[in-house]
Amino acid sequence: MHEFSQRLKDFKKMPVKAGRIAAFQFVRDIAYGDIGSRDPYDVLNKKKGTCSGKHALLKLFLEGLGYEVQTYFAKHDFGKFPIRPWPEELADFKEKILTDYHDFLKVKIGENRVTVDAIFDADTEKFGFPVADWDGESDMSLPVQADEIFPAEGDPEEHKKRLIAALSERIQKDRKAFLSALTVMLDKKRKDLIH
């Protein structure tokens, strides 16, 4: 909680637009990977998270900066995840249907509701992921091919749990295996970057 308060204080000291961009960049560059939790404070402590936890954290920062923020879901297929080229380590998943619900945010800036997505950290660009910048005022493109987009109802984490629970057991199992394999692959590639 202490780090969150300190970071928010730092973002508030900046000019308004610079503050929201800095909050976005800070969250974006938290390592992408599954930690088994969507709690924003867990993501902050472990410096790692998937779309749900990272966007929950960004939502807290942006709300702390005075913005109205809504969580949205994009129904998509992990088998079409935007990695170019597709990694050998994930070859088993390429032909499977891996339905997932990607979290992103809509932030009210002036009269506009702007799409913001901070999923992939800067390091992942080296591994073929699309890393995005945000100018602080325009809609961002989603990094997934959305089949359907809709707002989260009530608590976003609970809503997402219900959506995932409604998937077939096979898809739930494959989805979990994919996230695990993706995290292992990214952890290994990050280690290789350091050495």
Protein backbone atom coordinates (compact mmCIF):
# COMPACT_ATOMS: atom_id res chain seq x y z
CA MET A 1 0.00 0.00 0.00
CA HIS A 2 2.90 2.35 0.83
CA GLU A 3 4.40 2.04 -2.67
CA PHE A 4 1.02 2.64 -4.28
CA SER A 5 0.49 5.86 -2.27
CA GLN A 6 4.01 7.08 -3.07
CA ARG A 7 3.65 6.39 -6.80
CA LEU A 8 0.25 8.11 -6.90
CA LYS A 9 1.72 11.13 -5.11
CA ASP A 10 4.49 11.27 -7.75
CA PHE A 11 1.98 11.07 -10.62
CA LYS A 12 -0.11 13.86 -9.01
CA LYS A 13 2.92 16.19 -8.91
CA MET A 14 3.21 16.06 -12.70
CA PRO A 15 1.24 18.14 -15.21
CA VAL A 16 -2.17 16.44 -15.66
CA LYS A 17 -1.56 14.73 -19.02
CA ALA A 18 2.02 13.74 -18.10
CA GLY A 19 0.72 12.19 -14.86
CA ARG A 20 -1.73 9.87 -16.59
CA ILE A 21 0.88 8.89 -19.20
CA ALA A 22 3.41 8.16 -16.43
CA ALA A 23 0.82 5.99 -14.59
CA PHE A 24 0.17 4.11 -17.85
CA GLN A 25 3.88 3.57 -18.56
CA PHE A 26 4.61 2.45 -15.01
CA VAL A 27 1.88 -0.22 -15.14
CA ARG A 28 2.63 -1.22 -18.73
CA ASP A 29 6.24 -1.96 -17.84
CA ILE A 30 5.36 -4.27 -14.97
CA ALA A 31 6.35 -7.69 -16.35
CA TYR A 32 3.55 -9.55 -18.13
CA GLY A 33 3.03 -13.03 -16.66
CA ASP A 34 0.69 -15.11 -14.54
CA ILE A 35 1.14 -14.86 -10.74
CA GLY A 36 -2.07 -16.70 -9.85
CA SER A 37 -3.66 -13.47 -8.60
CA ARG A 38 -5.55 -10.58 -10.16
CA ASP A 39 -5.18 -8.41 -7.05
CA PRO A 40 -3.66 -5.05 -8.06
CA TYR A 41 -1.52 -4.85 -4.90
CA ASP A 42 -0.12 -8.35 -5.56
CA VAL A 43 0.79 -7.18 -9.07
CA LEU A 44 2.50 -4.10 -7.62
CA ASN A 45 4.40 -6.14 -5.00
CA LYS A 46 5.50 -8.89 -7.38
CA LYS A 47 6.11 -6.49 -10.30
CA LYS A 48 4.29 -8.97 -12.52
CA GLY A 49 0.74 -9.67 -13.67
CA THR A 50 -1.64 -10.43 -16.53
CA CYS A 51 -4.16 -8.07 -18.12
CA SER A 52 -6.66 -8.31 -15.24
CA GLY A 53 -4.29 -7.43 -12.41
CA LYS A 54 -2.31 -4.85 -14.37
CA HIS A 55 -5.46 -3.05 -15.50
CA ALA A 56 -6.96 -3.22 -11.99
CA LEU A 57 -3.80 -1.45 -10.78
CA LEU A 58 -3.90 1.14 -13.57
CA LYS A 59 -7.59 1.74 -12.80
CA LEU A 60 -6.70 2.49 -9.15
CA PHE A 61 -3.98 4.94 -10.22
CA LEU A 62 -6.22 6.71 -12.75
CA GLU A 63 -9.11 6.92 -10.29
CA GLY A 64 -6.63 8.30 -7.74
CA LEU A 65 -5.80 10.97 -10.34
CA GLY A 66 -9.50 11.86 -10.51
CA TYR A 67 -10.64 10.00 -13.64
CA GLU A 68 -13.80 7.98 -14.16
CA VAL A 69 -12.64 4.54 -15.31
CA GLN A 70 -14.61 1.51 -16.51
CA THR A 71 -13.23 -2.01 -17.02
CA TYR A 72 -14.17 -3.68 -20.32
CA PHE A 73 -13.71 -7.18 -21.67
CA ALA A 74 -12.71 -8.26 -25.17
CA LYS A 75 -13.62 -11.88 -25.92
CA HIS A 76 -10.76 -13.34 -27.95
CA ASP A 77 -8.79 -16.50 -28.66
CA PHE A 78 -5.37 -17.04 -27.03
CA GLY A 79 -4.51 -19.25 -30.04
CA LYS A 80 -4.46 -16.00 -32.07
CA PHE A 81 -2.43 -14.08 -29.48
CA PRO A 82 -0.40 -11.30 -31.15
CA ILE A 83 3.08 -12.86 -30.96
CA ARG A 84 5.10 -12.67 -34.20
CA PRO A 85 6.66 -15.09 -34.90
CA TRP A 86 4.65 -17.63 -32.91
CA PRO A 87 7.06 -19.19 -30.35
CA GLU A 88 8.08 -22.82 -30.65
CA GLU A 89 7.43 -23.20 -26.90
CA LEU A 90 3.72 -22.52 -27.53
CA ALA A 91 3.35 -24.59 -30.72
CA ASP A 92 0.91 -27.02 -29.04
CA PHE A 93 -1.58 -24.20 -28.51
CA LYS A 94 -1.58 -22.70 -32.01
CA GLU A 95 -4.42 -24.83 -33.42
CA LYS A 96 -6.57 -24.94 -30.27
CA ILE A 97 -9.55 -22.75 -29.48
CA LEU A 98 -8.54 -20.92 -26.28
CA THR A 99 -11.35 -18.52 -25.50
CA ASP A 100 -10.38 -15.79 -23.06
CA TYR A 101 -11.68 -12.43 -21.86
CA HIS A 102 -9.04 -9.72 -22.11
CA ASP A 103 -9.42 -6.81 -19.67
CA PHE A 104 -8.84 -3.24 -20.79
CA LEU A 105 -9.99 0.19 -19.62
CA LYS A 106 -12.10 3.07 -20.86
CA VAL A 107 -11.03 6.32 -19.22
CA LYS A 108 -13.15 9.48 -19.34
CA ILE A 109 -10.93 12.35 -20.49
CA GLY A 110 -12.95 15.51 -21.04
CA GLU A 111 -16.08 14.38 -22.90
CA ASN A 112 -14.45 11.27 -24.41
CA ARG A 113 -14.19 7.71 -23.14
CA VAL A 114 -10.75 6.58 -24.28
CA THR A 115 -9.57 2.97 -24.70
CA VAL A 116 -6.38 2.30 -22.72
CA ASP A 117 -4.46 -1.01 -22.73
CA ALA A 118 -1.24 -1.56 -20.75
CA ILE A 119 -0.83 -5.32 -21.15
CA PHE A 120 2.64 -5.95 -22.65
CA ASP A 121 5.76 -4.55 -20.97
CA ALA A 122 8.59 -3.00 -23.00
CA ASP A 123 10.81 -6.12 -22.72
CA THR A 124 8.24 -8.29 -24.50
CA GLU A 125 8.76 -6.34 -27.73
CA LYS A 126 12.08 -8.21 -28.12
CA PHE A 127 10.08 -11.48 -28.05
CA GLY A 128 7.59 -10.48 -30.77
CA PHE A 129 4.79 -8.91 -28.71
CA PRO A 130 3.14 -5.61 -29.73
CA VAL A 131 4.16 -3.07 -27.07
CA ALA A 132 2.06 0.09 -27.20
CA ASP A 133 2.61 3.69 -26.16
CA TRP A 134 -0.20 6.01 -25.16
CA ASP A 135 -0.32 9.72 -25.95
CA GLY A 136 -2.55 10.33 -22.92
CA GLU A 137 -5.63 11.34 -24.89
CA SER A 138 -6.37 9.06 -27.88
CA ASP A 139 -7.90 5.60 -28.14
CA MET A 140 -5.37 2.79 -28.16
CA SER A 141 -5.77 -0.29 -30.35
CA LEU A 142 -6.40 -3.53 -28.50
CA PRO A 143 -3.59 -6.09 -28.76
CA VAL A 144 -6.08 -8.95 -29.27
CA GLN A 145 -8.53 -9.76 -32.06
CA ALA A 146 -11.80 -9.06 -30.28
CA ASP A 147 -14.83 -11.16 -31.21
CA GLU A 148 -16.98 -9.18 -28.80
CA ILE A 149 -16.46 -6.17 -26.50
CA PHE A 150 -18.58 -5.36 -23.45
CA PRO A 151 -18.28 -3.56 -20.09
CA ALA A 152 -17.62 -5.44 -16.86
CA GLU A 153 -20.63 -5.56 -14.57
CA GLY A 154 -20.13 -5.09 -10.84
CA ASP A 155 -16.75 -6.30 -9.58
CA PRO A 156 -14.60 -6.96 -12.71
CA GLU A 157 -12.72 -9.87 -11.13
CA GLU A 158 -15.95 -11.63 -10.12
CA HIS A 159 -17.44 -10.99 -13.56
CA LYS A 160 -14.34 -12.46 -15.22
CA LYS A 161 -14.45 -15.53 -12.96
CA ARG A 162 -18.07 -16.11 -14.04
CA LEU A 163 -17.17 -15.73 -17.72
CA ILE A 164 -14.29 -18.22 -17.44
CA ALA A 165 -16.38 -20.66 -15.37
CA ALA A 166 -18.95 -20.69 -18.19
CA LEU A 167 -16.34 -21.98 -20.68
CA SER A 168 -16.09 -25.72 -21.33
CA GLU A 169 -13.80 -27.67 -18.99
CA ARG A 170 -11.44 -28.40 -21.88
CA ILE A 171 -11.10 -24.72 -22.80
CA GLN A 172 -10.61 -23.75 -19.14
CA LYS A 173 -7.86 -26.37 -18.80
CA ASP A 174 -6.14 -25.39 -22.07
CA ARG A 175 -6.42 -21.68 -21.25
CA LYS A 176 -4.72 -22.25 -17.89
CA ALA A 177 -2.01 -24.39 -19.51
CA PHE A 178 -1.39 -21.70 -22.14
CA LEU A 179 -0.98 -18.94 -19.53
CA SER A 180 1.39 -21.14 -17.55
CA ALA A 181 3.49 -22.03 -20.63
CA LEU A 182 3.52 -18.38 -21.76
CA THR A 183 4.72 -17.24 -18.31
CA VAL A 184 7.47 -19.88 -18.18
CA MET A 185 8.61 -18.90 -21.68
CA LEU A 186 8.70 -15.17 -20.84
CA ASP A 187 10.51 -15.76 -17.53
CA LYS A 188 13.17 -17.78 -19.35
CA LYS A 189 13.56 -15.19 -22.12
CA ARG A 190 13.85 -12.38 -19.55
CA LYS A 191 16.60 -14.31 -17.71
CA ASP A 192 18.43 -14.86 -21.01
CA LEU A 193 18.30 -11.09 -21.64
CA ILE A 194 20.10 -10.42 -18.35
CA HIS A 195 22.86 -13.00 -18.95
